[in-house]
Amino acid sequence: MKKVLSTLILGLLALTSFAKDKLIVAPAPTGIELKHDFEVKARIHGGEWQDVSTYAFKVDRVANAKHNVEITSVAKFEFEGKVEIQVKSIAQDIKSYKIRPNSYGITAIQEGNTLTFSLDRPRYLSVEINGNIYQNLQIFADNVLEKPKVKKKKDLIYFGPGIHDFKGDSIHIASGKTVFIDNGAVIKGWLSTYGSNHVKILGHGIVMPGHHEGIMVRYAKNINIDGPITTQLPIGGSDSVTVKNVKVMSWYGWGDGFNIFASNNIHQEHLFARTSDDCSTIYCTRKDYHGGCKNITIKDCVYWADVAHPIMIGLHSETPENEEIINVLYEDIDILEHAENQIDYQGCIGINDGDNILVKGVTFQNFHIDNIRKGMIVNMRVCFNKKYCTAPGRGIEDITLRNIAYTGEMPNMGIIAGYDQSRMVKNIRFENFTINGKVLTDDMPGKPKWYKTADLANIYVNDHVENLIFTK
């Protein structure tokens, strides 16, 4: 009897688990450019395979100091529970493959030119065949977002499946409005929340304005953005902004991903950025936005910088304002690519402090950094970049780098440098910093006492740095 009951309970649990599985696949609208390097299918347990459209997206390849457009593939769908994915390579035979981020530990079953693997949570992935990072496949396996309910119909702006062409223009989202961009919708234009309060922009559709920022949060408060794919998403002169499950991809000059200018109380989570400039930035006064930045939390992101920095903090302000960037957290970050020719603008983790800014109280925690094509792990300087600044920064203080893991060939030499004895870098703490699995600490075995630990990390430290610690 007990055996029968146990079997029934296990069966009910299994049915309950499978009942929670859900998959939503929306076909690409007619007229949208697709790319046919891959065939992608998805299904839930016991379900039928569903075809997933592969959109053509532009990305940047820098050669001879010039931007060059490459066309990559993007597949997207929504799911709950567990989903099985099948990727067939059409353009080339599979001799080797990667499914990144590597930290996710995703392995596939390969049968000829077909890869099959499963996901049990929303993930943003790159599938790369034979080392090809430009004609790769991005998979945006997202959470399910349903059309929201609003008290008044006029407060909902709905974009259903299909193409919505603004003819090179934008729409302004007024206070109190909710925008829902459904899966299968493509907006050709951009959205602005200029001066608005209590706005929501939701849905896993695409906002593709061409060579322009796709969603602009400007002088706004209480903004919630969840789900879309676009080119760039800058936040300027704003307060209390939440951005989740957003994917940005750019290919043109100055194609930063997620900019934060002179804004406070910003929360960004579960993002993907493949960009033709910095993936994530925090700046003070710039582009008519005025003030410092404080209380910034950025978590669970995948950054791919085809040029410039994955992360860049500081540099821009307006002297003699003496602005500050304080209380910043970057946590659970995967950096897939970093390739920059100019040494001044290298650094997966960049703090370039100019224009009398004080950068203080920043934590970088739980990072996985893949092989750096051209660049450095850390570039932390109080500097006077005369191209953008009118003065050096005031200082960089109280910075924690915890559980930073780099895997790959030795990158270019990193930099930690103050400007002078009045504009220093102080209180920098590396905790469990590893290069190819080796933990670098001040008391590590085999380190000569007269060596700086930074020497073994290939980081140059100048005379204007105080209290630099490497510990477990």
Protein backbone atom coordinates (compact mmCIF):
# COMPACT_ATOMS: atom_id res chain seq x y z
CA MET A 1 0.00 0.00 0.00
CA LYS A 2 2.81 2.39 0.95
CA LYS A 3 4.54 1.61 -2.35
CA VAL A 4 1.36 2.43 -4.30
CA LEU A 5 0.90 5.72 -2.41
CA SER A 6 4.52 6.68 -3.02
CA THR A 7 4.13 5.97 -6.73
CA LEU A 8 0.94 8.05 -6.89
CA ILE A 9 2.56 10.96 -5.04
CA LEU A 10 5.60 10.91 -7.32
CA GLY A 11 3.33 10.80 -10.35
CA LEU A 12 1.28 13.75 -9.11
CA LEU A 13 4.44 15.73 -8.38
CA ALA A 14 5.73 15.04 -11.88
CA LEU A 15 2.41 16.07 -13.46
CA THR A 16 2.36 19.24 -11.35
CA SER A 17 5.90 20.05 -12.44
CA PHE A 18 5.15 19.54 -16.13
CA ALA A 19 1.87 21.45 -15.83
CA LYS A 20 3.88 24.52 -14.89
CA ASP A 21 5.93 24.33 -18.09
CA LYS A 22 4.87 26.93 -20.64
CA LEU A 23 6.33 28.04 -23.97
CA ILE A 24 5.35 31.04 -26.07
CA VAL A 25 6.87 31.39 -29.53
CA ALA A 26 5.78 34.27 -31.74
CA PRO A 27 6.73 34.21 -35.44
CA ALA A 28 8.63 37.16 -36.84
CA PRO A 29 6.33 39.63 -38.61
CA THR A 30 6.24 39.63 -42.40
CA GLY A 31 8.76 42.06 -43.85
CA ILE A 32 11.38 41.74 -41.10
CA GLU A 33 14.82 40.60 -42.20
CA LEU A 34 15.72 37.12 -41.03
CA LYS A 35 19.00 35.23 -41.14
CA HIS A 36 19.19 31.57 -42.05
CA ASP A 37 22.53 30.46 -40.61
CA PHE A 38 20.65 28.41 -38.01
CA GLU A 39 17.39 26.55 -37.58
CA VAL A 40 16.10 26.88 -34.03
CA LYS A 41 13.33 24.89 -32.37
CA ALA A 42 11.98 24.77 -28.82
CA ARG A 43 9.57 22.59 -26.86
CA ILE A 44 8.39 21.84 -23.35
CA HIS A 45 8.41 18.33 -21.90
CA GLY A 46 6.20 16.06 -23.97
CA GLY A 47 5.35 18.84 -26.40
CA GLU A 48 5.93 19.25 -30.10
CA TRP A 49 8.90 21.14 -31.48
CA GLN A 50 8.07 24.73 -32.42
CA ASP A 51 10.06 26.71 -34.98
CA VAL A 52 11.72 29.84 -33.61
CA SER A 53 12.43 32.70 -36.03
CA THR A 54 16.04 33.86 -36.32
CA TYR A 55 16.18 37.63 -36.76
CA ALA A 56 19.06 39.39 -38.52
CA PHE A 57 20.75 41.91 -36.21
CA LYS A 58 23.70 44.17 -36.92
CA VAL A 59 26.81 44.06 -34.73
CA ASP A 60 30.17 45.80 -34.89
CA ARG A 61 33.56 44.47 -35.96
CA VAL A 62 36.34 47.03 -35.64
CA ALA A 63 39.13 46.72 -38.20
CA ASN A 64 41.72 49.34 -39.15
CA ALA A 65 40.17 51.67 -36.54
CA LYS A 66 36.84 51.64 -38.39
CA HIS A 67 33.41 50.22 -37.61
CA ASN A 68 32.36 47.36 -39.88
CA VAL A 69 28.88 45.87 -39.85
CA GLU A 70 28.44 42.14 -39.38
CA ILE A 71 25.09 40.34 -39.38
CA THR A 72 24.37 38.02 -36.48
CA SER A 73 21.34 35.88 -35.59
CA VAL A 74 18.85 36.37 -32.74
CA ALA A 75 16.22 33.84 -31.64
CA LYS A 76 13.76 34.66 -28.87
CA PHE A 77 10.87 33.11 -26.99
CA GLU A 78 9.19 33.11 -23.58
CA PHE A 79 8.89 30.17 -21.21
CA GLU A 80 8.18 29.00 -17.69
CA GLY A 81 9.49 25.86 -16.04
CA LYS A 82 11.81 23.93 -18.33
CA VAL A 83 12.40 24.17 -22.07
CA GLU A 84 14.37 22.08 -24.54
CA ILE A 85 16.18 23.88 -27.37
CA GLN A 86 17.47 22.50 -30.66
CA VAL A 87 19.96 24.46 -32.77
CA LYS A 88 20.92 23.23 -36.23
CA SER A 89 23.87 24.92 -37.92
CA ILE A 90 23.06 25.52 -41.60
CA ALA A 91 25.90 27.84 -42.64
CA GLN A 92 28.76 25.63 -41.48
CA ASP A 93 29.51 22.15 -40.21
CA ILE A 94 30.08 21.96 -36.48
CA LYS A 95 33.68 21.09 -35.66
CA SER A 96 33.53 22.82 -32.28
CA TYR A 97 30.99 24.87 -30.39
CA LYS A 98 30.54 27.04 -27.32
CA ILE A 99 27.40 28.00 -25.44
CA ARG A 100 28.24 31.05 -23.37
CA PRO A 101 28.34 32.41 -20.70
CA ASN A 102 30.64 29.58 -19.66
CA SER A 103 29.67 30.13 -16.03
CA TYR A 104 26.20 28.70 -16.77
CA GLY A 105 27.75 25.31 -17.43
CA ILE A 106 25.45 24.51 -20.36
CA THR A 107 26.44 21.48 -22.40
CA ALA A 108 24.67 20.18 -25.47
CA ILE A 109 24.16 16.81 -27.10
CA GLN A 110 25.65 17.04 -30.59
CA GLU A 111 24.26 14.94 -33.42
CA GLY A 112 25.90 15.96 -36.67
CA ASN A 113 25.25 19.68 -37.07
CA THR A 114 22.50 19.79 -34.44
CA LEU A 115 22.89 20.77 -30.79
CA THR A 116 20.23 20.01 -28.18
CA PHE A 117 20.19 21.37 -24.63
CA SER A 118 17.78 22.44 -21.89
CA LEU A 119 17.14 25.51 -19.74
CA ASP A 120 15.32 25.69 -16.42
CA ARG A 121 15.38 29.48 -16.07
CA PRO A 122 15.49 32.54 -18.34
CA ARG A 123 18.92 32.92 -19.92
CA TYR A 124 20.64 35.08 -22.53
CA LEU A 125 23.07 32.93 -24.51
CA SER A 126 25.58 33.02 -27.33
CA VAL A 127 25.93 29.86 -29.43
CA GLU A 128 29.21 30.01 -31.36
CA ILE A 129 30.20 27.53 -34.04
CA ASN A 130 33.89 26.94 -34.82
CA GLY A 131 34.91 30.06 -32.89
CA ASN A 132 32.83 32.43 -35.04
CA ILE A 133 31.70 35.28 -32.76
CA TYR A 134 30.14 37.46 -35.46
CA GLN A 135 27.91 34.98 -37.30
CA ASN A 136 26.86 33.49 -33.98
CA LEU A 137 23.39 32.92 -32.55
CA GLN A 138 22.04 34.92 -29.61
CA ILE A 139 19.21 33.15 -27.81
CA PHE A 140 17.00 35.31 -25.61
CA ALA A 141 15.04 32.77 -23.56
CA ASP A 142 12.85 35.07 -21.50
CA ASN A 143 10.26 34.93 -18.75
CA VAL A 144 6.57 35.08 -19.68
CA LEU A 145 5.10 38.59 -19.71
CA GLU A 146 1.36 38.90 -20.18
CA LYS A 147 -0.61 41.92 -21.33
CA PRO A 148 -1.12 44.03 -18.19
CA LYS A 149 -4.46 45.04 -16.77
CA VAL A 150 -5.08 48.75 -16.32
CA LYS A 151 -7.94 50.62 -14.66
CA LYS A 152 -8.56 52.77 -17.73
CA LYS A 153 -8.13 51.52 -21.30
CA LYS A 154 -6.71 54.89 -22.36
CA ASP A 155 -3.76 54.31 -20.02
CA LEU A 156 -2.57 51.28 -22.04
CA ILE A 157 -0.64 51.72 -25.29
CA TYR A 158 -0.55 48.31 -26.95
CA PHE A 159 1.67 47.22 -29.83
CA GLY A 160 0.55 43.82 -31.08
CA PRO A 161 2.38 41.41 -33.39
CA GLY A 162 3.48 43.07 -36.63
CA ILE A 163 5.54 46.08 -37.73
CA HIS A 164 4.78 49.52 -36.30
CA ASP A 165 6.67 52.11 -38.35
CA PHE A 166 7.06 55.59 -36.85
CA LYS A 167 8.69 56.83 -40.08
CA GLY A 168 11.90 57.91 -38.37
CA ASP A 169 10.09 59.53 -35.45
CA SER A 170 9.31 58.71 -31.82
CA ILE A 171 6.41 58.71 -29.40
CA HIS A 172 6.35 60.35 -25.99
CA ILE A 173 5.03 58.22 -23.12
CA ALA A 174 3.07 60.50 -20.80
CA SER A 175 2.79 60.11 -17.03
CA GLY A 176 0.65 57.22 -15.84
CA LYS A 177 0.80 55.32 -19.13
CA THR A 178 1.69 51.66 -19.64
CA VAL A 179 3.19 50.51 -22.93
CA PHE A 180 3.05 46.82 -23.83
CA ILE A 181 5.15 45.64 -26.78
CA ASP A 182 3.97 42.12 -27.43
CA ASN A 183 6.16 39.24 -28.50
CA GLY A 184 6.13 39.37 -32.30
CA ALA A 185 5.88 43.17 -32.42
CA VAL A 186 8.60 45.32 -34.00
CA ILE A 187 8.58 49.09 -33.52
CA LYS A 188 10.56 51.06 -36.10
CA GLY A 189 11.12 54.21 -34.08
CA TRP A 190 11.94 55.08 -30.50
CA LEU A 191 10.21 55.76 -27.20
CA SER A 192 10.80 58.66 -24.80
CA THR A 193 9.65 59.28 -21.23
CA TYR A 194 10.78 62.92 -21.18
CA GLY A 195 9.56 64.55 -17.95
CA SER A 196 7.14 61.72 -17.16
CA ASN A 197 6.26 60.03 -13.87
CA HIS A 198 4.96 56.51 -13.19
CA VAL A 199 5.46 54.96 -16.63
CA LYS A 200 5.76 51.28 -17.54
CA ILE A 201 7.26 49.91 -20.77
CA LEU A 202 6.73 46.16 -20.86
CA GLY A 203 6.87 43.20 -23.23
CA HIS A 204 9.39 41.16 -25.19
CA GLY A 205 8.89 42.89 -28.53
CA ILE A 206 11.58 44.79 -30.43
CA VAL A 207 12.20 48.55 -30.54
CA MET A 208 14.49 49.09 -33.51
CA PRO A 209 14.95 52.76 -34.44
CA GLY A 210 18.02 52.36 -36.63
CA HIS A 211 21.01 54.50 -35.67
CA HIS A 212 19.44 55.92 -32.50
CA GLU A 213 18.68 55.20 -28.86
CA GLY A 214 15.64 52.93 -28.75
CA ILE A 215 14.21 53.80 -25.33
CA MET A 216 15.16 57.08 -23.64
CA VAL A 217 14.46 57.80 -19.97
CA ARG A 218 14.94 61.55 -19.59
CA TYR A 219 14.17 63.76 -16.59
CA ALA A 220 11.72 61.12 -15.39
CA LYS A 221 10.70 59.43 -12.13
CA ASN A 222 9.28 56.06 -11.17
CA ILE A 223 9.89 54.31 -14.48
CA ASN A 224 9.64 50.53 -14.91
CA ILE A 225 10.99 48.89 -18.09
CA ASP A 226 10.75 45.12 -18.44
CA GLY A 227 11.43 42.92 -21.44
CA PRO A 228 12.13 44.60 -24.79
CA ILE A 229 15.02 44.31 -27.22
CA THR A 230 16.44 47.60 -28.49
CA THR A 231 19.62 49.43 -29.52
CA GLN A 232 20.42 51.62 -26.50
CA LEU A 233 18.69 52.53 -23.25
CA PRO A 234 20.10 55.70 -21.64
CA ILE A 235 18.81 57.06 -18.33
CA GLY A 236 19.49 60.77 -17.75
CA GLY A 237 18.50 63.25 -15.04
CA SER A 238 16.11 60.70 -13.56
CA ASP A 239 15.20 59.05 -10.26
CA SER A 240 13.76 55.69 -9.23
CA VAL A 241 14.12 53.74 -12.48
CA THR A 242 13.96 49.94 -12.74
CA VAL A 243 15.14 48.12 -15.88
CA LYS A 244 14.79 44.33 -16.11
CA ASN A 245 15.08 41.67 -18.81
CA VAL A 246 16.17 44.16 -21.47
CA LYS A 247 18.50 43.29 -24.34
CA VAL A 248 20.46 45.92 -26.31
CA MET A 249 22.49 45.46 -29.50
CA SER A 250 24.27 48.23 -31.43
CA TRP A 251 26.64 48.43 -34.39
CA TYR A 252 27.41 52.14 -34.97
CA GLY A 253 29.81 54.65 -33.41
CA TRP A 254 28.95 55.81 -29.87
CA GLY A 255 26.62 52.85 -29.50
CA ASP A 256 26.70 52.62 -25.70
CA GLY A 257 24.26 50.15 -24.19
CA PHE A 258 22.96 51.15 -20.75
CA ASN A 259 24.07 54.70 -19.90
CA ILE A 260 23.29 56.30 -16.55
CA PHE A 261 23.76 60.08 -16.48
CA ALA A 262 23.24 62.22 -13.35
CA SER A 263 20.59 59.87 -11.94
CA ASN A 264 19.81 58.31 -8.56
CA ASN A 265 18.16 55.16 -7.25
CA ILE A 266 18.57 53.05 -10.38
CA HIS A 267 18.06 49.28 -10.42
CA GLN A 268 19.05 47.18 -13.44
CA GLU A 269 18.71 43.40 -13.45
CA HIS A 270 18.99 40.48 -15.88
CA LEU A 271 20.25 42.43 -18.89
CA PHE A 272 22.16 41.62 -22.07
CA ALA A 273 24.34 44.14 -23.91
CA ARG A 274 26.28 43.55 -27.11
CA THR A 275 27.46 46.99 -28.09
CA SER A 276 29.64 49.10 -30.35
CA ASP A 277 30.79 51.18 -27.38
CA ASP A 278 30.60 50.81 -23.60
CA CYS A 279 28.04 48.27 -22.39
CA SER A 280 27.31 49.95 -19.04
CA THR A 281 28.29 53.44 -17.89
CA ILE A 282 27.75 55.70 -14.89
CA TYR A 283 28.48 59.38 -15.53
CA CYS A 284 27.71 62.70 -13.85
CA THR A 285 26.87 65.89 -15.75
CA ARG A 286 26.69 65.27 -19.50
CA LYS A 287 24.31 65.87 -22.42
CA ASP A 288 22.31 68.51 -20.50
CA TYR A 289 21.83 66.16 -17.54
CA HIS A 290 23.22 67.71 -14.36
CA GLY A 291 24.30 66.19 -11.06
CA GLY A 292 26.00 63.18 -9.55
CA CYS A 293 24.89 59.56 -9.24
CA LYS A 294 24.06 57.55 -6.13
CA ASN A 295 22.38 54.31 -5.16
CA ILE A 296 22.94 52.31 -8.34
CA THR A 297 22.41 48.53 -8.34
CA ILE A 298 23.21 46.45 -11.43
CA LYS A 299 22.80 42.66 -11.20
CA ASP A 300 22.79 39.51 -13.31
CA CYS A 301 24.03 40.94 -16.62
CA VAL A 302 25.83 39.63 -19.69
CA TYR A 303 28.16 42.18 -21.31
CA TRP A 304 29.77 41.87 -24.74
CA ALA A 305 31.78 44.93 -25.80
CA ASP A 306 32.80 44.63 -29.44
CA VAL A 307 34.65 47.89 -28.77
CA ALA A 308 35.40 50.00 -25.65
CA HIS A 309 34.54 48.98 -22.06
CA PRO A 310 32.09 46.47 -20.68
CA ILE A 311 31.88 48.79 -17.62
CA MET A 312 32.92 52.44 -17.43
CA ILE A 313 32.45 54.78 -14.44
CA GLY A 314 33.42 58.44 -14.06
CA LEU A 315 35.10 60.70 -16.63
CA HIS A 316 32.20 63.02 -17.50
CA SER A 317 31.06 65.92 -15.34
CA GLU A 318 31.26 69.71 -15.36
CA THR A 319 33.92 71.48 -13.31
CA PRO A 320 33.85 73.02 -10.79
CA GLU A 321 30.70 71.19 -9.66
CA ASN A 322 32.58 68.63 -7.48
CA GLU A 323 30.03 65.90 -8.15
CA GLU A 324 30.07 62.38 -6.72
CA ILE A 325 29.34 58.83 -7.81
CA ILE A 326 28.60 56.90 -4.62
CA ASN A 327 27.05 53.64 -3.44
CA VAL A 328 27.25 51.50 -6.58
CA LEU A 329 26.93 47.71 -6.82
CA TYR A 330 27.68 45.51 -9.84
CA GLU A 331 26.88 41.88 -8.99
CA ASP A 332 26.74 38.58 -10.90
CA ILE A 333 28.22 39.85 -14.15
CA ASP A 334 29.46 37.79 -17.11
CA ILE A 335 31.80 39.56 -19.52
CA LEU A 336 32.03 37.64 -22.79
CA GLU A 337 34.08 40.00 -24.94
CA HIS A 338 36.32 43.06 -24.62
CA ALA A 339 38.26 44.39 -27.63
CA GLU A 340 39.64 47.94 -27.69
CA ASN A 341 42.70 49.27 -29.51
CA GLN A 342 43.11 52.50 -27.51
CA ILE A 343 44.87 51.87 -24.20
CA ASP A 344 43.11 54.82 -22.51
CA TYR A 345 39.76 53.13 -23.14
CA GLN A 346 40.63 49.55 -22.23
CA GLY A 347 39.38 47.81 -19.11
CA CYS A 348 36.61 45.31 -18.41
CA ILE A 349 36.18 47.16 -15.12
CA GLY A 350 36.91 50.80 -15.83
CA ILE A 351 36.89 53.75 -13.45
CA ASN A 352 38.40 56.76 -15.23
CA ASP A 353 37.83 59.63 -12.84
CA GLY A 354 37.93 63.17 -14.27
CA ASP A 355 36.21 66.57 -14.02
CA ASN A 356 36.55 66.87 -10.22
CA ILE A 357 34.36 63.81 -9.61
CA LEU A 358 34.79 61.73 -6.46
CA VAL A 359 34.03 58.03 -7.02
CA LYS A 360 33.43 56.33 -3.68
CA GLY A 361 31.84 53.17 -2.34
CA VAL A 362 31.70 50.91 -5.40
CA THR A 363 31.52 47.10 -5.22
CA PHE A 364 32.14 44.69 -8.10
CA GLN A 365 31.08 41.22 -7.01
CA ASN A 366 30.85 37.76 -8.58
CA PHE A 367 32.31 38.41 -12.04
CA HIS A 368 33.22 35.86 -14.69
CA ILE A 369 35.42 37.36 -17.39
CA ASP A 370 36.16 35.34 -20.53
CA ASN A 371 39.29 35.63 -22.63
CA ILE A 372 40.06 39.27 -23.45
CA ARG A 373 40.75 39.77 -27.15
CA LYS A 374 42.43 43.15 -26.65
CA GLY A 375 42.30 45.03 -23.38
CA MET A 376 42.82 44.74 -19.64
CA ILE A 377 40.90 43.49 -16.63
CA VAL A 378 41.10 46.68 -14.55
CA ASN A 379 41.68 50.30 -15.55
CA MET A 380 41.23 52.43 -12.42
CA ARG A 381 42.67 55.93 -12.75
CA VAL A 382 42.24 59.45 -11.49
CA CYS A 383 43.01 61.12 -14.79
CA PHE A 384 42.84 64.29 -16.85
CA ASN A 385 41.55 63.28 -20.26
CA LYS A 386 41.69 66.62 -22.09
CA LYS A 387 39.50 65.28 -24.88
CA TYR A 388 36.52 65.09 -22.51
CA CYS A 389 37.50 66.79 -19.22
CA THR A 390 38.51 70.22 -17.96
CA ALA A 391 40.15 68.88 -14.78
CA PRO A 392 41.32 65.62 -13.21
CA GLY A 393 39.03 63.78 -10.81
CA ARG A 394 39.14 64.33 -7.04
CA GLY A 395 39.77 60.69 -6.19
CA ILE A 396 38.69 57.06 -6.17
CA GLU A 397 37.99 55.58 -2.73
CA ASP A 398 36.58 52.50 -1.02
CA ILE A 399 36.37 50.11 -3.96
CA THR A 400 35.79 46.37 -3.42
CA LEU A 401 36.40 43.74 -6.09
CA ARG A 402 35.09 40.44 -4.73
CA ASN A 403 35.11 37.07 -6.49
CA ILE A 404 36.45 38.36 -9.80
CA ALA A 405 37.45 35.37 -11.96
CA TYR A 406 39.32 35.78 -15.25
CA THR A 407 39.86 32.83 -17.59
CA GLY A 408 42.02 33.20 -20.68
CA GLU A 409 45.34 34.34 -22.03
CA MET A 410 47.17 37.03 -20.08
CA PRO A 411 45.55 40.35 -21.06
CA ASN A 412 47.24 43.72 -21.41
CA MET A 413 48.69 45.21 -18.25
CA GLY A 414 46.03 46.73 -16.02
CA ILE A 415 46.36 50.11 -14.32
CA ILE A 416 45.58 51.45 -10.85
CA ALA A 417 46.82 55.03 -10.62
CA GLY A 418 46.14 58.23 -8.73
CA TYR A 419 46.81 61.67 -10.24
CA ASP A 420 48.86 63.26 -7.45
CA GLN A 421 49.00 63.25 -3.64
CA SER A 422 45.80 65.29 -3.40
CA ARG A 423 43.87 63.22 -5.97
CA MET A 424 44.58 59.65 -4.97
CA VAL A 425 43.23 56.14 -5.28
CA LYS A 426 42.56 54.84 -1.76
CA ASN A 427 41.26 51.72 -0.04
CA ILE A 428 41.07 49.24 -2.92
CA ARG A 429 40.32 45.70 -1.80
CA PHE A 430 40.54 42.58 -3.99
CA GLU A 431 38.90 39.54 -2.37
CA ASN A 432 39.30 36.13 -4.02
CA PHE A 433 40.64 37.56 -7.28
CA THR A 434 41.59 34.68 -9.59
CA ILE A 435 43.37 34.40 -12.92
CA ASN A 436 42.91 31.00 -14.54
CA GLY A 437 41.90 29.55 -11.18
CA LYS A 438 44.86 30.90 -9.21
CA VAL A 439 43.96 33.09 -6.24
CA LEU A 440 46.17 36.17 -5.93
CA THR A 441 46.74 37.35 -2.35
CA ASP A 442 49.30 39.41 -0.49
CA ASP A 443 50.44 36.30 1.42
CA MET A 444 50.25 33.80 -1.44
CA PRO A 445 52.84 31.00 -1.38
CA GLY A 446 55.92 31.65 -3.48
CA LYS A 447 55.48 35.43 -3.75
CA PRO A 448 58.73 37.24 -2.93
CA LYS A 449 58.17 39.74 -0.11
CA TRP A 450 59.59 42.56 -2.21
CA TYR A 451 57.03 41.95 -5.01
CA LYS A 452 53.76 43.80 -5.20
CA THR A 453 50.86 41.38 -5.51
CA ALA A 454 49.66 43.54 -8.39
CA ASP A 455 52.83 42.55 -10.29
CA LEU A 456 51.61 38.94 -10.34
CA ALA A 457 48.20 40.14 -11.52
CA ASN A 458 49.85 42.13 -14.34
CA ILE A 459 48.52 45.42 -12.93
CA TYR A 460 50.66 48.57 -12.79
CA VAL A 461 50.23 50.57 -9.56
CA ASN A 462 51.68 54.08 -9.32
CA ASP A 463 52.86 56.07 -6.28
CA HIS A 464 49.50 57.77 -5.70
CA VAL A 465 47.69 54.62 -4.55
CA GLU A 466 47.12 53.97 -0.86
CA ASN A 467 45.93 50.85 0.98
CA LEU A 468 45.67 48.36 -1.90
CA ILE A 469 44.89 44.89 -0.52
CA PHE A 470 44.68 41.43 -2.10
CA THR A 471 43.11 38.83 0.20
CA LYS A 472 41.18 35.56 0.12
